[in-house]
Amino acid sequence: MRLDPCRRTRPIICALTRLFGDGVRLELPDNTPLPDQVKVLIGELSHDASSSGRENTTVGVDFVDEHHSIF
């Protein structure tokens, strides 16, 4: 899974630790800065999202695109 920080930089490779209908929990590399608004990249799909909380390298991300769900 990848996160696009929408800053004209390369997407961040991360590990999916939990999947929800309206978001995901991800494990990021150490010291990875993350803006409030991101895009979650799942294969060729892209979902607008916002970070909803962070603890160390684990971040919660809520989908905010028109469908509000990947299902």
PDB file of N, CA and C in Angstrom:
ATOM      1  N   MET A   1       0.849  -1.159   0.000  1.00  0.00           N
ATOM      2  CA  MET A   1       0.000   0.000   0.000  1.00  0.00           C
ATOM      3  C   MET A   1       0.899   1.229   0.000  1.00  0.00           C
ATOM      4  N   ARG A   2       0.382   2.318  -0.559  1.00  0.00           N
ATOM      5  CA  ARG A   2       1.160   3.548  -0.631  1.00  0.00           C
ATOM      6  C   ARG A   2       0.301   4.741  -0.234  1.00  0.00           C
ATOM      7  N   LEU A   3       0.959   5.768   0.284  1.00  0.00           N
ATOM      8  CA  LEU A   3       0.311   7.048   0.597  1.00  0.00           C
ATOM      9  C   LEU A   3       0.975   8.123  -0.240  1.00  0.00           C
ATOM     10  N   ASP A   4       0.165   8.925  -0.899  1.00  0.00           N
ATOM     11  CA  ASP A   4       0.687  10.064  -1.648  1.00  0.00           C
ATOM     12  C   ASP A   4       0.501  11.305  -0.787  1.00  0.00           C
ATOM     13  N   PRO A   5       1.590  11.933  -0.331  1.00  0.00           N
ATOM     14  CA  PRO A   5       1.462  13.116   0.518  1.00  0.00           C
ATOM     15  C   PRO A   5       1.047  14.371  -0.254  1.00  0.00           C
ATOM     16  N   CYS A   6       0.836  14.237  -1.562  1.00  0.00           N
ATOM     17  CA  CYS A   6       0.358  15.347  -2.402  1.00  0.00           C
ATOM     18  C   CYS A   6       1.283  16.553  -2.339  1.00  0.00           C
ATOM     19  N   ARG A   7       2.554  16.306  -2.248  1.00  0.00           N
ATOM     20  CA  ARG A   7       3.554  17.381  -2.194  1.00  0.00           C
ATOM     21  C   ARG A   7       4.558  17.255  -3.333  1.00  0.00           C
ATOM     22  N   ARG A   8       4.135  16.628  -4.411  1.00  0.00           N
ATOM     23  CA  ARG A   8       5.009  16.398  -5.559  1.00  0.00           C
ATOM     24  C   ARG A   8       6.252  15.596  -5.184  1.00  0.00           C
ATOM     25  N   THR A   9       6.057  14.698  -4.248  1.00  0.00           N
ATOM     26  CA  THR A   9       7.119  13.772  -3.859  1.00  0.00           C
ATOM     27  C   THR A   9       6.647  12.355  -4.159  1.00  0.00           C
ATOM     28  N   ARG A  10       7.537  11.420  -4.040  1.00  0.00           N
ATOM     29  CA  ARG A  10       7.171  10.027  -4.285  1.00  0.00           C
ATOM     30  C   ARG A  10       6.208   9.531  -3.214  1.00  0.00           C
ATOM     31  N   PRO A  11       5.323   8.596  -3.583  1.00  0.00           N
ATOM     32  CA  PRO A  11       4.439   7.994  -2.581  1.00  0.00           C
ATOM     33  C   PRO A  11       5.242   7.269  -1.500  1.00  0.00           C
ATOM     34  N   ILE A  12       4.672   7.211  -0.330  1.00  0.00           N
ATOM     35  CA  ILE A  12       5.289   6.549   0.822  1.00  0.00           C
ATOM     36  C   ILE A  12       4.824   5.095   0.841  1.00  0.00           C
ATOM     37  N   ILE A  13       5.760   4.174   0.854  1.00  0.00           N
ATOM     38  CA  ILE A  13       5.429   2.754   0.973  1.00  0.00           C
ATOM     39  C   ILE A  13       5.122   2.479   2.441  1.00  0.00           C
ATOM     40  N   CYS A  14       3.987   1.847   2.706  1.00  0.00           N
ATOM     41  CA  CYS A  14       3.594   1.569   4.086  1.00  0.00           C
ATOM     42  C   CYS A  14       2.911   0.204   4.158  1.00  0.00           C
ATOM     43  N   ALA A  15       2.736  -0.270   5.376  1.00  0.00           N
ATOM     44  CA  ALA A  15       2.096  -1.566   5.595  1.00  0.00           C
ATOM     45  C   ALA A  15       0.688  -1.354   6.135  1.00  0.00           C
ATOM     46  N   LEU A  16      -0.262  -2.051   5.561  1.00  0.00           N
ATOM     47  CA  LEU A  16      -1.643  -2.021   6.034  1.00  0.00           C
ATOM     48  C   LEU A  16      -1.742  -2.889   7.282  1.00  0.00           C
ATOM     49  N   THR A  17      -2.190  -2.302   8.397  1.00  0.00           N
ATOM     50  CA  THR A  17      -2.351  -3.096   9.615  1.00  0.00           C
ATOM     51  C   THR A  17      -3.809  -3.360   9.943  1.00  0.00           C
ATOM     52  N   ARG A  18      -4.704  -2.512   9.412  1.00  0.00           N
ATOM     53  CA  ARG A  18      -6.140  -2.717   9.653  1.00  0.00           C
ATOM     54  C   ARG A  18      -6.924  -2.016   8.566  1.00  0.00           C
ATOM     55  N   LEU A  19      -7.977  -2.654   8.094  1.00  0.00           N
ATOM     56  CA  LEU A  19      -8.837  -2.104   7.054  1.00  0.00           C
ATOM     57  C   LEU A  19     -10.235  -1.913   7.608  1.00  0.00           C
ATOM     58  N   PHE A  20     -10.780  -0.735   7.438  1.00  0.00           N
ATOM     59  CA  PHE A  20     -12.143  -0.418   7.839  1.00  0.00           C
ATOM     60  C   PHE A  20     -12.922  -0.049   6.578  1.00  0.00           C
ATOM     61  N   GLY A  21     -14.211   0.011   6.627  1.00  0.00           N
ATOM     62  CA  GLY A  21     -15.005   0.416   5.477  1.00  0.00           C
ATOM     63  C   GLY A  21     -14.753   1.848   5.069  1.00  0.00           C
ATOM     64  N   ASP A  22     -14.382   2.687   6.030  1.00  0.00           N
ATOM     65  CA  ASP A  22     -14.197   4.112   5.730  1.00  0.00           C
ATOM     66  C   ASP A  22     -12.782   4.608   6.008  1.00  0.00           C
ATOM     67  N   GLY A  23     -11.826   3.676   6.120  1.00  0.00           N
ATOM     68  CA  GLY A  23     -10.445   4.096   6.359  1.00  0.00           C
ATOM     69  C   GLY A  23      -9.520   2.917   6.582  1.00  0.00           C
ATOM     70  N   VAL A  24      -8.294   3.241   6.928  1.00  0.00           N
ATOM     71  CA  VAL A  24      -7.266   2.225   7.160  1.00  0.00           C
ATOM     72  C   VAL A  24      -6.363   2.656   8.306  1.00  0.00           C
ATOM     73  N   ARG A  25      -5.678   1.687   8.866  1.00  0.00           N
ATOM     74  CA  ARG A  25      -4.592   1.955   9.806  1.00  0.00           C
ATOM     75  C   ARG A  25      -3.326   1.459   9.134  1.00  0.00           C
ATOM     76  N   LEU A  26      -2.299   2.313   9.134  1.00  0.00           N
ATOM     77  CA  LEU A  26      -1.076   2.009   8.405  1.00  0.00           C
ATOM     78  C   LEU A  26       0.146   2.133   9.294  1.00  0.00           C
ATOM     79  N   GLU A  27       1.156   1.362   8.971  1.00  0.00           N
ATOM     80  CA  GLU A  27       2.458   1.449   9.630  1.00  0.00           C
ATOM     81  C   GLU A  27       3.401   2.140   8.641  1.00  0.00           C
ATOM     82  N   LEU A  28       3.941   3.271   9.049  1.00  0.00           N
ATOM     83  CA  LEU A  28       4.833   4.064   8.205  1.00  0.00           C
ATOM     84  C   LEU A  28       6.288   3.840   8.600  1.00  0.00           C
ATOM     85  N   PRO A  29       7.212   4.137   7.688  1.00  0.00           N
ATOM     86  CA  PRO A  29       8.628   4.112   8.074  1.00  0.00           C
ATOM     87  C   PRO A  29       8.880   5.145   9.176  1.00  0.00           C
ATOM     88  N   ASP A  30       9.909   4.927   9.981  1.00  0.00           N
ATOM     89  CA  ASP A  30      10.252   5.857  11.068  1.00  0.00           C
ATOM     90  C   ASP A  30      10.423   7.276  10.555  1.00  0.00           C
ATOM     91  N   ASN A  31       9.978   8.237  11.356  1.00  0.00           N
ATOM     92  CA  ASN A  31      10.164   9.671  11.100  1.00  0.00           C
ATOM     93  C   ASN A  31       9.611  10.144   9.759  1.00  0.00           C
ATOM     94  N   THR A  32       8.557   9.531   9.280  1.00  0.00           N
ATOM     95  CA  THR A  32       7.950   9.959   8.022  1.00  0.00           C
ATOM     96  C   THR A  32       6.965  11.091   8.292  1.00  0.00           C
ATOM     97  N   PRO A  33       7.234  12.292   7.757  1.00  0.00           N
ATOM     98  CA  PRO A  33       6.270  13.377   7.930  1.00  0.00           C
ATOM     99  C   PRO A  33       5.023  13.101   7.092  1.00  0.00           C
ATOM    100  N   LEU A  34       3.873  13.479   7.606  1.00  0.00           N
ATOM    101  CA  LEU A  34       2.623  13.216   6.904  1.00  0.00           C
ATOM    102  C   LEU A  34       1.699  14.419   7.047  1.00  0.00           C
ATOM    103  N   PRO A  35       1.261  15.006   5.927  1.00  0.00           N
ATOM    104  CA  PRO A  35       0.331  16.125   6.008  1.00  0.00           C
ATOM    105  C   PRO A  35      -1.069  15.640   6.399  1.00  0.00           C
ATOM    106  N   ASP A  36      -1.961  16.574   6.692  1.00  0.00           N
ATOM    107  CA  ASP A  36      -3.332  16.214   7.053  1.00  0.00           C
ATOM    108  C   ASP A  36      -4.086  15.575   5.892  1.00  0.00           C
ATOM    109  N   GLN A  37      -3.884  16.084   4.684  1.00  0.00           N
ATOM    110  CA  GLN A  37      -4.580  15.568   3.496  1.00  0.00           C
ATOM    111  C   GLN A  37      -3.626  14.730   2.663  1.00  0.00           C
ATOM    112  N   VAL A  38      -4.039  13.504   2.357  1.00  0.00           N
ATOM    113  CA  VAL A  38      -3.223  12.568   1.588  1.00  0.00           C
ATOM    114  C   VAL A  38      -4.113  11.830   0.587  1.00  0.00           C
ATOM    115  N   LYS A  39      -3.500  11.009  -0.226  1.00  0.00           N
ATOM    116  CA  LYS A  39      -4.226  10.076  -1.088  1.00  0.00           C
ATOM    117  C   LYS A  39      -3.743   8.680  -0.744  1.00  0.00           C
ATOM    118  N   VAL A  40      -4.686   7.760  -0.538  1.00  0.00           N
ATOM    119  CA  VAL A  40      -4.363   6.364  -0.305  1.00  0.00           C
ATOM    120  C   VAL A  40      -4.363   5.685  -1.668  1.00  0.00           C
ATOM    121  N   LEU A  41      -3.273   5.033  -1.997  1.00  0.00           N
ATOM    122  CA  LEU A  41      -3.133   4.363  -3.286  1.00  0.00           C
ATOM    123  C   LEU A  41      -3.196   2.861  -3.074  1.00  0.00           C
ATOM    124  N   ILE A  42      -4.225   2.244  -3.655  1.00  0.00           N
ATOM    125  CA  ILE A  42      -4.417   0.803  -3.555  1.00  0.00           C
ATOM    126  C   ILE A  42      -4.394   0.275  -4.980  1.00  0.00           C
ATOM    127  N   GLY A  43      -3.277  -0.311  -5.382  1.00  0.00           N
ATOM    128  CA  GLY A  43      -3.125  -0.721  -6.775  1.00  0.00           C
ATOM    129  C   GLY A  43      -3.220   0.505  -7.663  1.00  0.00           C
ATOM    130  N   GLU A  44      -4.159   0.509  -8.585  1.00  0.00           N
ATOM    131  CA  GLU A  44      -4.371   1.646  -9.474  1.00  0.00           C
ATOM    132  C   GLU A  44      -5.428   2.609  -8.938  1.00  0.00           C
ATOM    133  N   LEU A  45      -6.070   2.269  -7.816  1.00  0.00           N
ATOM    134  CA  LEU A  45      -7.108   3.123  -7.234  1.00  0.00           C
ATOM    135  C   LEU A  45      -6.491   4.183  -6.337  1.00  0.00           C
ATOM    136  N   SER A  46      -7.116   5.349  -6.317  1.00  0.00           N
ATOM    137  CA  SER A  46      -6.654   6.445  -5.478  1.00  0.00           C
ATOM    138  C   SER A  46      -7.842   7.004  -4.705  1.00  0.00           C
ATOM    139  N   HIS A  47      -7.695   7.131  -3.377  1.00  0.00           N
ATOM    140  CA  HIS A  47      -8.761   7.662  -2.536  1.00  0.00           C
ATOM    141  C   HIS A  47      -8.258   8.892  -1.793  1.00  0.00           C
ATOM    142  N   ASP A  48      -9.016   9.991  -1.870  1.00  0.00           N
ATOM    143  CA  ASP A  48      -8.701  11.153  -1.045  1.00  0.00           C
ATOM    144  C   ASP A  48      -8.917  10.763   0.405  1.00  0.00           C
ATOM    145  N   ALA A  49      -8.023  11.223   1.263  1.00  0.00           N
ATOM    146  CA  ALA A  49      -8.100  10.820   2.662  1.00  0.00           C
ATOM    147  C   ALA A  49      -7.490  11.895   3.559  1.00  0.00           C
ATOM    148  N   SER A  50      -7.752  11.752   4.850  1.00  0.00           N
ATOM    149  CA  SER A  50      -7.139  12.654   5.835  1.00  0.00           C
ATOM    150  C   SER A  50      -6.619  11.814   6.991  1.00  0.00           C
ATOM    151  N   SER A  51      -5.470  12.220   7.516  1.00  0.00           N
ATOM    152  CA  SER A  51      -4.920  11.498   8.660  1.00  0.00           C
ATOM    153  C   SER A  51      -5.765  11.826   9.884  1.00  0.00           C
ATOM    154  N   SER A  52      -6.084  10.805  10.661  1.00  0.00           N
ATOM    155  CA  SER A  52      -7.002  10.994  11.783  1.00  0.00           C
ATOM    156  C   SER A  52      -6.357  10.735  13.132  1.00  0.00           C
ATOM    157  N   GLY A  53      -5.100  10.509  13.151  1.00  0.00           N
ATOM    158  CA  GLY A  53      -4.405  10.272  14.409  1.00  0.00           C
ATOM    159  C   GLY A  53      -3.138   9.489  14.165  1.00  0.00           C
ATOM    160  N   ARG A  54      -2.170   9.744  15.004  1.00  0.00           N
ATOM    161  CA  ARG A  54      -0.881   9.089  14.821  1.00  0.00           C
ATOM    162  C   ARG A  54      -0.272   8.761  16.171  1.00  0.00           C
ATOM    163  N   GLU A  55       0.328   7.576  16.250  1.00  0.00           N
ATOM    164  CA  GLU A  55       1.073   7.173  17.433  1.00  0.00           C
ATOM    165  C   GLU A  55       2.343   6.496  16.947  1.00  0.00           C
ATOM    166  N   ASN A  56       3.459   7.178  17.130  1.00  0.00           N
ATOM    167  CA  ASN A  56       4.757   6.701  16.640  1.00  0.00           C
ATOM    168  C   ASN A  56       4.705   6.492  15.134  1.00  0.00           C
ATOM    169  N   THR A  57       4.817   5.249  14.680  1.00  0.00           N
ATOM    170  CA  THR A  57       4.822   4.986  13.240  1.00  0.00           C
ATOM    171  C   THR A  57       3.469   4.499  12.723  1.00  0.00           C
ATOM    172  N   THR A  58       2.474   4.417  13.585  1.00  0.00           N
ATOM    173  CA  THR A  58       1.134   3.981  13.187  1.00  0.00           C
ATOM    174  C   THR A  58       0.242   5.196  12.980  1.00  0.00           C
ATOM    175  N   VAL A  59      -0.470   5.214  11.856  1.00  0.00           N
ATOM    176  CA  VAL A  59      -1.349   6.343  11.543  1.00  0.00           C
ATOM    177  C   VAL A  59      -2.720   5.819  11.111  1.00  0.00           C
ATOM    178  N   GLY A  60      -3.766   6.499  11.566  1.00  0.00           N
ATOM    179  CA  GLY A  60      -5.114   6.227  11.094  1.00  0.00           C
ATOM    180  C   GLY A  60      -5.428   7.176   9.954  1.00  0.00           C
ATOM    181  N   VAL A  61      -6.071   6.668   8.914  1.00  0.00           N
ATOM    182  CA  VAL A  61      -6.399   7.476   7.745  1.00  0.00           C
ATOM    183  C   VAL A  61      -7.863   7.245   7.399  1.00  0.00           C
ATOM    184  N   ASP A  62      -8.639   8.329   7.314  1.00  0.00           N
ATOM    185  CA  ASP A  62     -10.056   8.256   6.958  1.00  0.00           C
ATOM    186  C   ASP A  62     -10.243   8.638   5.502  1.00  0.00           C
ATOM    187  N   PHE A  63     -11.042   7.848   4.765  1.00  0.00           N
ATOM    188  CA  PHE A  63     -11.351   8.193   3.388  1.00  0.00           C
ATOM    189  C   PHE A  63     -12.317   9.368   3.372  1.00  0.00           C
ATOM    190  N   VAL A  64     -12.094  10.323   2.485  1.00  0.00           N
ATOM    191  CA  VAL A  64     -12.975  11.496   2.402  1.00  0.00           C
ATOM    192  C   VAL A  64     -13.478  11.716   0.975  1.00  0.00           C
ATOM    193  N   ASP A  65     -13.263  10.756   0.093  1.00  0.00           N
ATOM    194  CA  ASP A  65     -13.744  10.939  -1.280  1.00  0.00           C
ATOM    195  C   ASP A  65     -15.245  10.698  -1.347  1.00  0.00           C
ATOM    196  N   GLU A  66     -15.787  10.844  -2.516  1.00  0.00           N
ATOM    197  CA  GLU A  66     -17.239  10.824  -2.680  1.00  0.00           C
ATOM    198  C   GLU A  66     -17.911   9.535  -2.241  1.00  0.00           C
ATOM    199  N   HIS A  67     -17.193   8.414  -2.227  1.00  0.00           N
ATOM    200  CA  HIS A  67     -17.807   7.153  -1.834  1.00  0.00           C
ATOM    201  C   HIS A  67     -17.629   6.838  -0.357  1.00  0.00           C
ATOM    202  N   HIS A  68     -16.672   7.463   0.293  1.00  0.00           N
ATOM    203  CA  HIS A  68     -16.403   7.286   1.723  1.00  0.00           C
ATOM    204  C   HIS A  68     -16.128   5.843   2.109  1.00  0.00           C
ATOM    205  N   SER A  69     -15.850   4.983   1.138  1.00  0.00           N
ATOM    206  CA  SER A  69     -15.595   3.590   1.437  1.00  0.00           C
ATOM    207  C   SER A  69     -14.896   2.938   0.254  1.00  0.00           C
ATOM    208  N   ILE A  70     -14.087   1.920   0.530  1.00  0.00           N
ATOM    209  CA  ILE A  70     -13.476   1.191  -0.571  1.00  0.00           C
ATOM    210  C   ILE A  70     -14.329   0.006  -0.977  1.00  0.00           C
ATOM    211  N   PHE A  71     -15.415  -0.262  -0.244  1.00  0.00           N
ATOM    212  CA  PHE A  71     -16.289  -1.399  -0.569  1.00  0.00           C
ATOM    213  C   PHE A  71     -17.428  -0.963  -1.450  1.00  0.00           C
TER     214      PHE A  71
END
